[in-house]
Amino acid sequence: MTAIALGVVAHFSGVRWALIVAGCCTAWFLLALAVIHVRGGRGGQALRRVYVVTFGWGDYVNP
């Protein structure tokens, strides 16, 4: 879903905005990973939790 959303943004607004949106997703992912790491999350479980926080919205769009 995120790749499709970036493709739509690139098509309608240009590559520059697609890169900005991709950078925001990356920053959010890294921030969430840092927070989960500080709270004691480690390994695959931490990555799974960060993935759901960052990209889990796709489940609501396409259940």
N, C-alpha and C. Protein backbone atom coordinates (compact mmCIF):
# COMPACT_ATOMS: atom_id res chain seq x y z
N MET A 1 0.82 -1.20 0.00
CA MET A 1 0.00 0.00 0.00
C MET A 1 0.87 1.26 0.00
N THR A 2 1.94 1.24 0.76
CA THR A 2 2.79 2.43 0.83
C THR A 2 3.44 2.71 -0.53
N ALA A 3 3.90 1.65 -1.21
CA ALA A 3 4.51 1.83 -2.52
C ALA A 3 3.49 2.37 -3.52
N ILE A 4 2.26 1.89 -3.45
CA ILE A 4 1.21 2.39 -4.34
C ILE A 4 0.92 3.86 -4.03
N ALA A 5 0.83 4.18 -2.75
CA ALA A 5 0.58 5.58 -2.36
C ALA A 5 1.71 6.48 -2.85
N LEU A 6 2.96 6.02 -2.75
CA LEU A 6 4.08 6.82 -3.24
C LEU A 6 4.02 6.97 -4.75
N GLY A 7 3.60 5.92 -5.45
CA GLY A 7 3.45 6.01 -6.90
C GLY A 7 2.39 7.03 -7.29
N VAL A 8 1.28 7.05 -6.57
CA VAL A 8 0.22 8.01 -6.85
C VAL A 8 0.71 9.43 -6.58
N VAL A 9 1.41 9.62 -5.48
CA VAL A 9 1.96 10.95 -5.16
C VAL A 9 2.94 11.38 -6.24
N ALA A 10 3.81 10.47 -6.67
CA ALA A 10 4.79 10.81 -7.71
C ALA A 10 4.09 11.16 -9.02
N HIS A 11 3.04 10.44 -9.34
CA HIS A 11 2.34 10.68 -10.60
C HIS A 11 1.65 12.05 -10.61
N PHE A 12 0.97 12.38 -9.53
CA PHE A 12 0.19 13.61 -9.50
C PHE A 12 0.97 14.84 -9.03
N SER A 13 1.97 14.63 -8.17
CA SER A 13 2.67 15.79 -7.59
C SER A 13 4.14 15.86 -7.96
N GLY A 14 4.68 14.82 -8.52
CA GLY A 14 6.08 14.82 -8.92
C GLY A 14 6.94 13.99 -7.98
N VAL A 15 8.11 13.68 -8.47
CA VAL A 15 9.03 12.82 -7.73
C VAL A 15 9.51 13.50 -6.44
N ARG A 16 9.65 14.80 -6.48
CA ARG A 16 10.12 15.53 -5.29
C ARG A 16 9.22 15.26 -4.09
N TRP A 17 7.90 15.36 -4.27
CA TRP A 17 6.97 15.13 -3.17
C TRP A 17 6.95 13.67 -2.75
N ALA A 18 7.13 12.76 -3.71
CA ALA A 18 7.19 11.34 -3.37
C ALA A 18 8.40 11.07 -2.47
N LEU A 19 9.52 11.70 -2.77
CA LEU A 19 10.71 11.53 -1.93
C LEU A 19 10.51 12.13 -0.54
N ILE A 20 9.80 13.24 -0.46
CA ILE A 20 9.51 13.85 0.84
C ILE A 20 8.63 12.92 1.67
N VAL A 21 7.60 12.35 1.05
CA VAL A 21 6.70 11.43 1.76
C VAL A 21 7.46 10.17 2.18
N ALA A 22 8.31 9.64 1.30
CA ALA A 22 9.11 8.46 1.64
C ALA A 22 10.06 8.77 2.80
N GLY A 23 10.63 9.97 2.80
CA GLY A 23 11.50 10.39 3.90
C GLY A 23 10.75 10.48 5.22
N CYS A 24 9.51 10.96 5.17
CA CYS A 24 8.69 11.05 6.38
C CYS A 24 8.38 9.65 6.92
N CYS A 25 8.05 8.72 6.02
CA CYS A 25 7.80 7.33 6.45
C CYS A 25 9.04 6.73 7.09
N THR A 26 10.19 6.99 6.49
CA THR A 26 11.45 6.46 7.03
C THR A 26 11.75 7.08 8.39
N ALA A 27 11.55 8.38 8.52
CA ALA A 27 11.80 9.05 9.80
C ALA A 27 10.86 8.51 10.88
N TRP A 28 9.58 8.33 10.54
CA TRP A 28 8.62 7.77 11.51
C TRP A 28 9.03 6.37 11.93
N PHE A 29 9.46 5.53 10.96
CA PHE A 29 9.90 4.17 11.26
C PHE A 29 11.08 4.19 12.23
N LEU A 30 12.06 5.04 11.97
CA LEU A 30 13.25 5.10 12.83
C LEU A 30 12.91 5.66 14.21
N LEU A 31 12.03 6.65 14.27
CA LEU A 31 11.60 7.19 15.56
C LEU A 31 10.87 6.13 16.38
N ALA A 32 9.96 5.40 15.74
CA ALA A 32 9.23 4.34 16.43
C ALA A 32 10.18 3.24 16.89
N LEU A 33 11.17 2.90 16.06
CA LEU A 33 12.15 1.89 16.45
C LEU A 33 12.96 2.34 17.66
N ALA A 34 13.33 3.62 17.70
CA ALA A 34 14.08 4.14 18.84
C ALA A 34 13.24 4.08 20.11
N VAL A 35 11.96 4.46 20.01
CA VAL A 35 11.08 4.43 21.19
C VAL A 35 10.90 3.01 21.70
N ILE A 36 10.67 2.07 20.80
CA ILE A 36 10.48 0.67 21.21
C ILE A 36 11.78 0.11 21.78
N HIS A 37 12.91 0.50 21.22
CA HIS A 37 14.20 0.04 21.74
C HIS A 37 14.43 0.57 23.16
N VAL A 38 14.11 1.84 23.39
CA VAL A 38 14.27 2.44 24.72
C VAL A 38 13.36 1.74 25.74
N ARG A 39 12.16 1.36 25.29
CA ARG A 39 11.22 0.68 26.19
C ARG A 39 11.53 -0.78 26.40
N GLY A 40 12.59 -1.29 25.79
CA GLY A 40 13.02 -2.65 26.05
C GLY A 40 12.74 -3.65 24.96
N GLY A 41 12.19 -3.21 23.84
CA GLY A 41 11.93 -4.14 22.74
C GLY A 41 13.22 -4.50 22.03
N ARG A 42 13.37 -5.77 21.71
CA ARG A 42 14.60 -6.24 21.07
C ARG A 42 14.26 -7.20 19.94
N GLY A 43 15.15 -7.28 18.96
CA GLY A 43 15.09 -8.29 17.93
C GLY A 43 13.90 -8.19 17.00
N GLY A 44 13.48 -9.37 16.54
CA GLY A 44 12.40 -9.45 15.58
C GLY A 44 11.08 -8.92 16.10
N GLN A 45 10.82 -9.11 17.39
CA GLN A 45 9.58 -8.60 17.98
C GLN A 45 9.52 -7.08 17.89
N ALA A 46 10.63 -6.42 18.14
CA ALA A 46 10.66 -4.95 18.04
C ALA A 46 10.42 -4.51 16.61
N LEU A 47 11.05 -5.16 15.65
CA LEU A 47 10.85 -4.80 14.25
C LEU A 47 9.41 -5.04 13.82
N ARG A 48 8.82 -6.11 14.30
CA ARG A 48 7.42 -6.41 13.97
C ARG A 48 6.50 -5.31 14.50
N ARG A 49 6.74 -4.90 15.73
CA ARG A 49 5.91 -3.86 16.34
C ARG A 49 6.07 -2.53 15.59
N VAL A 50 7.29 -2.19 15.21
CA VAL A 50 7.54 -0.94 14.48
C VAL A 50 6.88 -1.00 13.10
N TYR A 51 6.95 -2.15 12.44
CA TYR A 51 6.33 -2.30 11.14
C TYR A 51 4.82 -2.07 11.22
N VAL A 52 4.19 -2.64 12.25
CA VAL A 52 2.75 -2.48 12.42
C VAL A 52 2.41 -1.02 12.69
N VAL A 53 3.21 -0.34 13.51
CA VAL A 53 2.96 1.07 13.81
C VAL A 53 3.12 1.93 12.55
N THR A 54 4.13 1.63 11.73
CA THR A 54 4.41 2.45 10.56
C THR A 54 3.51 2.12 9.38
N PHE A 55 3.35 0.84 9.08
CA PHE A 55 2.66 0.44 7.86
C PHE A 55 1.36 -0.31 8.12
N GLY A 56 0.95 -0.41 9.35
CA GLY A 56 -0.26 -1.15 9.69
C GLY A 56 -1.53 -0.49 9.22
N TRP A 57 -1.45 0.77 8.83
CA TRP A 57 -2.64 1.47 8.35
C TRP A 57 -3.19 0.81 7.09
N GLY A 58 -2.38 0.05 6.38
CA GLY A 58 -2.85 -0.64 5.19
C GLY A 58 -3.94 -1.66 5.50
N ASP A 59 -3.94 -2.20 6.70
CA ASP A 59 -4.98 -3.15 7.10
C ASP A 59 -6.33 -2.47 7.19
N TYR A 60 -6.35 -1.19 7.50
CA TYR A 60 -7.61 -0.47 7.59
C TYR A 60 -8.13 -0.05 6.21
N VAL A 61 -7.20 0.20 5.29
CA VAL A 61 -7.58 0.59 3.94
C VAL A 61 -8.04 -0.63 3.14
N ASN A 62 -7.34 -1.74 3.30
CA ASN A 62 -7.61 -2.95 2.54
C ASN A 62 -7.68 -4.15 3.50
N PRO A 63 -8.80 -4.34 4.22
CA PRO A 63 -8.87 -5.41 5.23
C PRO A 63 -8.90 -6.79 4.64
